[in-house]
Amino acid sequence: MKFVTLVEDTTKCELGAEHGLSIYAETEKHKLLFDVGTTDLFIKNAKALGIDLSQVDTVVMTMAAGWMLFWQSMTML
């Protein structure tokens, strides 16, 4: 299983940071996205890391407000 932090409050590399959290997880059978942060930064960071979010088959949202951002952002893929 592989976990990649797409968004969190701090960074020590070229990726952007913001308040919020987004984690990409990959197993042999599934590609999952846990939360999306507060902007479309999760998409920008995923692209920078070579992660194709269009292949995600499961999304877990812990805050209802994130759903609108998620659906708006996915149209940008």
N, C-alpha and C. Protein backbone atom coordinates (compact mmCIF):
# COMPACT_ATOMS: atom_id res chain seq x y z
N MET A 1 0.85 -1.18 0.00
CA MET A 1 0.00 0.00 0.00
C MET A 1 0.89 1.24 0.00
N LYS A 2 0.48 2.23 -0.75
CA LYS A 2 1.25 3.46 -0.88
C LYS A 2 0.36 4.64 -0.46
N PHE A 3 0.90 5.52 0.37
CA PHE A 3 0.21 6.74 0.78
C PHE A 3 1.04 7.95 0.34
N VAL A 4 0.38 8.96 -0.23
CA VAL A 4 1.06 10.19 -0.64
C VAL A 4 0.25 11.37 -0.12
N THR A 5 0.89 12.24 0.63
CA THR A 5 0.23 13.46 1.09
C THR A 5 0.23 14.47 -0.05
N LEU A 6 -0.96 14.85 -0.49
CA LEU A 6 -1.07 15.84 -1.57
C LEU A 6 -1.15 17.26 -1.03
N VAL A 7 -1.78 17.42 0.12
CA VAL A 7 -1.92 18.75 0.74
C VAL A 7 -1.86 18.60 2.25
N GLU A 8 -1.14 19.51 2.88
CA GLU A 8 -1.16 19.68 4.33
C GLU A 8 -0.60 21.06 4.63
N ASP A 9 -0.51 21.40 5.90
CA ASP A 9 -0.19 22.77 6.31
C ASP A 9 1.24 23.21 6.04
N THR A 10 2.17 22.29 5.91
CA THR A 10 3.58 22.67 5.74
C THR A 10 4.18 21.91 4.57
N THR A 11 5.30 22.40 4.08
CA THR A 11 6.01 21.69 3.02
C THR A 11 7.50 21.98 3.14
N LYS A 12 8.30 21.00 2.77
CA LYS A 12 9.75 21.16 2.73
C LYS A 12 10.28 20.83 1.34
N CYS A 13 9.40 21.00 0.33
CA CYS A 13 9.78 20.73 -1.05
C CYS A 13 9.06 21.71 -1.96
N GLU A 14 9.05 21.44 -3.25
CA GLU A 14 8.48 22.35 -4.22
C GLU A 14 6.96 22.34 -4.27
N LEU A 15 6.31 21.41 -3.58
CA LEU A 15 4.85 21.35 -3.58
C LEU A 15 4.24 22.47 -2.76
N GLY A 16 3.02 22.86 -3.12
CA GLY A 16 2.32 23.90 -2.38
C GLY A 16 1.75 23.35 -1.07
N ALA A 17 1.52 24.24 -0.12
CA ALA A 17 0.93 23.88 1.17
C ALA A 17 -0.22 24.83 1.46
N GLU A 18 -1.19 24.36 2.23
CA GLU A 18 -2.31 25.18 2.66
C GLU A 18 -2.98 24.50 3.85
N HIS A 19 -3.83 25.24 4.52
CA HIS A 19 -4.59 24.65 5.62
C HIS A 19 -5.52 23.59 5.05
N GLY A 20 -5.48 22.41 5.59
CA GLY A 20 -6.31 21.32 5.12
C GLY A 20 -5.47 20.08 4.89
N LEU A 21 -6.11 19.05 4.39
CA LEU A 21 -5.43 17.78 4.19
C LEU A 21 -6.00 17.08 2.97
N SER A 22 -5.13 16.43 2.21
CA SER A 22 -5.54 15.57 1.11
C SER A 22 -4.50 14.46 1.00
N ILE A 23 -4.97 13.23 1.03
CA ILE A 23 -4.07 12.08 0.95
C ILE A 23 -4.53 11.15 -0.16
N TYR A 24 -3.59 10.73 -0.98
CA TYR A 24 -3.83 9.75 -2.04
C TYR A 24 -3.30 8.41 -1.53
N ALA A 25 -4.09 7.36 -1.70
CA ALA A 25 -3.66 6.01 -1.31
C ALA A 25 -3.86 5.07 -2.48
N GLU A 26 -2.93 4.14 -2.61
CA GLU A 26 -2.99 3.19 -3.73
C GLU A 26 -2.71 1.79 -3.20
N THR A 27 -3.59 0.86 -3.56
CA THR A 27 -3.38 -0.55 -3.26
C THR A 27 -3.24 -1.29 -4.59
N GLU A 28 -3.12 -2.60 -4.52
CA GLU A 28 -3.04 -3.37 -5.76
C GLU A 28 -4.33 -3.25 -6.58
N LYS A 29 -5.46 -3.03 -5.89
CA LYS A 29 -6.75 -3.02 -6.58
C LYS A 29 -7.43 -1.66 -6.64
N HIS A 30 -7.05 -0.73 -5.76
CA HIS A 30 -7.78 0.53 -5.67
C HIS A 30 -6.87 1.75 -5.59
N LYS A 31 -7.43 2.87 -6.03
CA LYS A 31 -6.79 4.18 -5.89
C LYS A 31 -7.79 5.06 -5.16
N LEU A 32 -7.39 5.58 -4.00
CA LEU A 32 -8.31 6.31 -3.13
C LEU A 32 -7.82 7.73 -2.88
N LEU A 33 -8.77 8.61 -2.64
CA LEU A 33 -8.46 9.99 -2.29
C LEU A 33 -9.21 10.32 -1.00
N PHE A 34 -8.44 10.73 0.03
CA PHE A 34 -9.01 11.12 1.31
C PHE A 34 -8.95 12.63 1.42
N ASP A 35 -10.09 13.26 1.36
CA ASP A 35 -10.23 14.71 1.45
C ASP A 35 -9.50 15.44 0.32
N VAL A 36 -9.76 16.74 0.19
CA VAL A 36 -9.20 17.51 -0.93
C VAL A 36 -8.59 18.84 -0.51
N GLY A 37 -8.45 19.08 0.79
CA GLY A 37 -7.92 20.37 1.22
C GLY A 37 -8.97 21.45 1.07
N THR A 38 -8.52 22.70 0.81
CA THR A 38 -9.47 23.81 0.73
C THR A 38 -9.53 24.48 -0.65
N THR A 39 -8.61 24.12 -1.54
CA THR A 39 -8.62 24.67 -2.91
C THR A 39 -8.29 23.54 -3.89
N ASP A 40 -8.00 23.89 -5.12
CA ASP A 40 -7.61 22.89 -6.11
C ASP A 40 -6.12 22.52 -6.02
N LEU A 41 -5.46 22.91 -4.96
CA LEU A 41 -4.04 22.62 -4.79
C LEU A 41 -3.76 21.11 -4.83
N PHE A 42 -4.70 20.30 -4.38
CA PHE A 42 -4.49 18.84 -4.42
C PHE A 42 -4.29 18.35 -5.84
N ILE A 43 -4.96 18.99 -6.81
CA ILE A 43 -4.79 18.62 -8.21
C ILE A 43 -3.41 19.04 -8.71
N LYS A 44 -3.02 20.26 -8.41
CA LYS A 44 -1.71 20.76 -8.84
C LYS A 44 -0.58 19.91 -8.27
N ASN A 45 -0.67 19.58 -6.98
CA ASN A 45 0.38 18.77 -6.35
C ASN A 45 0.38 17.34 -6.91
N ALA A 46 -0.79 16.78 -7.16
CA ALA A 46 -0.86 15.44 -7.74
C ALA A 46 -0.20 15.41 -9.12
N LYS A 47 -0.49 16.42 -9.93
CA LYS A 47 0.14 16.49 -11.25
C LYS A 47 1.66 16.60 -11.13
N ALA A 48 2.13 17.42 -10.19
CA ALA A 48 3.58 17.58 -9.99
C ALA A 48 4.23 16.26 -9.56
N LEU A 49 3.47 15.41 -8.89
CA LEU A 49 3.98 14.12 -8.42
C LEU A 49 3.72 12.98 -9.40
N GLY A 50 3.08 13.29 -10.52
CA GLY A 50 2.80 12.27 -11.52
C GLY A 50 1.65 11.35 -11.16
N ILE A 51 0.74 11.82 -10.32
CA ILE A 51 -0.42 11.03 -9.91
C ILE A 51 -1.62 11.42 -10.77
N ASP A 52 -2.23 10.44 -11.42
CA ASP A 52 -3.38 10.67 -12.29
C ASP A 52 -4.66 10.50 -11.47
N LEU A 53 -5.25 11.60 -11.04
CA LEU A 53 -6.45 11.55 -10.20
C LEU A 53 -7.67 11.03 -10.94
N SER A 54 -7.65 11.00 -12.26
CA SER A 54 -8.79 10.46 -13.00
C SER A 54 -8.90 8.95 -12.79
N GLN A 55 -7.86 8.31 -12.26
CA GLN A 55 -7.87 6.88 -11.99
C GLN A 55 -8.40 6.53 -10.60
N VAL A 56 -8.70 7.55 -9.78
CA VAL A 56 -9.21 7.32 -8.42
C VAL A 56 -10.59 6.67 -8.51
N ASP A 57 -10.78 5.57 -7.76
CA ASP A 57 -12.08 4.89 -7.78
C ASP A 57 -12.88 5.08 -6.50
N THR A 58 -12.27 5.62 -5.45
CA THR A 58 -12.97 5.84 -4.19
C THR A 58 -12.53 7.16 -3.59
N VAL A 59 -13.50 7.97 -3.18
CA VAL A 59 -13.22 9.25 -2.52
C VAL A 59 -13.86 9.23 -1.15
N VAL A 60 -13.08 9.59 -0.13
CA VAL A 60 -13.59 9.68 1.24
C VAL A 60 -13.49 11.13 1.67
N MET A 61 -14.64 11.72 1.99
CA MET A 61 -14.68 13.12 2.43
C MET A 61 -15.07 13.15 3.90
N THR A 62 -14.32 13.88 4.70
CA THR A 62 -14.65 13.96 6.13
C THR A 62 -15.41 15.22 6.48
N MET A 63 -15.52 16.14 5.53
CA MET A 63 -16.27 17.38 5.76
C MET A 63 -17.19 17.62 4.57
N ALA A 64 -18.45 17.91 4.83
CA ALA A 64 -19.43 18.11 3.75
C ALA A 64 -19.04 19.25 2.82
N ALA A 65 -18.40 20.29 3.33
CA ALA A 65 -18.03 21.43 2.50
C ALA A 65 -17.06 21.04 1.39
N GLY A 66 -16.31 20.00 1.58
CA GLY A 66 -15.35 19.57 0.58
C GLY A 66 -15.97 18.98 -0.68
N TRP A 67 -17.21 18.52 -0.61
CA TRP A 67 -17.84 17.91 -1.78
C TRP A 67 -17.96 18.88 -2.94
N MET A 68 -18.39 20.10 -2.68
CA MET A 68 -18.54 21.08 -3.76
C MET A 68 -17.19 21.36 -4.41
N LEU A 69 -16.17 21.57 -3.59
CA LEU A 69 -14.82 21.79 -4.12
C LEU A 69 -14.38 20.59 -4.95
N PHE A 70 -14.62 19.40 -4.46
CA PHE A 70 -14.20 18.20 -5.18
C PHE A 70 -14.85 18.13 -6.56
N TRP A 71 -16.16 18.29 -6.63
CA TRP A 71 -16.84 18.18 -7.92
C TRP A 71 -16.43 19.28 -8.88
N GLN A 72 -16.22 20.49 -8.37
CA GLN A 72 -15.76 21.59 -9.22
C GLN A 72 -14.34 21.31 -9.71
N SER A 73 -13.49 20.82 -8.84
CA SER A 73 -12.09 20.58 -9.18
C SER A 73 -11.92 19.45 -10.17
N MET A 74 -12.73 18.41 -10.07
CA MET A 74 -12.57 17.26 -10.94
C MET A 74 -12.86 17.60 -12.39
N THR A 75 -13.60 18.66 -12.65
CA THR A 75 -13.84 19.07 -14.03
C THR A 75 -12.58 19.64 -14.66
N MET A 76 -11.57 19.95 -13.83
CA MET A 76 -10.32 20.52 -14.34
C MET A 76 -9.31 19.44 -14.72
N LEU A 77 -9.60 18.17 -14.44
CA LEU A 77 -8.65 17.10 -14.76
C LEU A 77 -8.54 16.89 -16.25
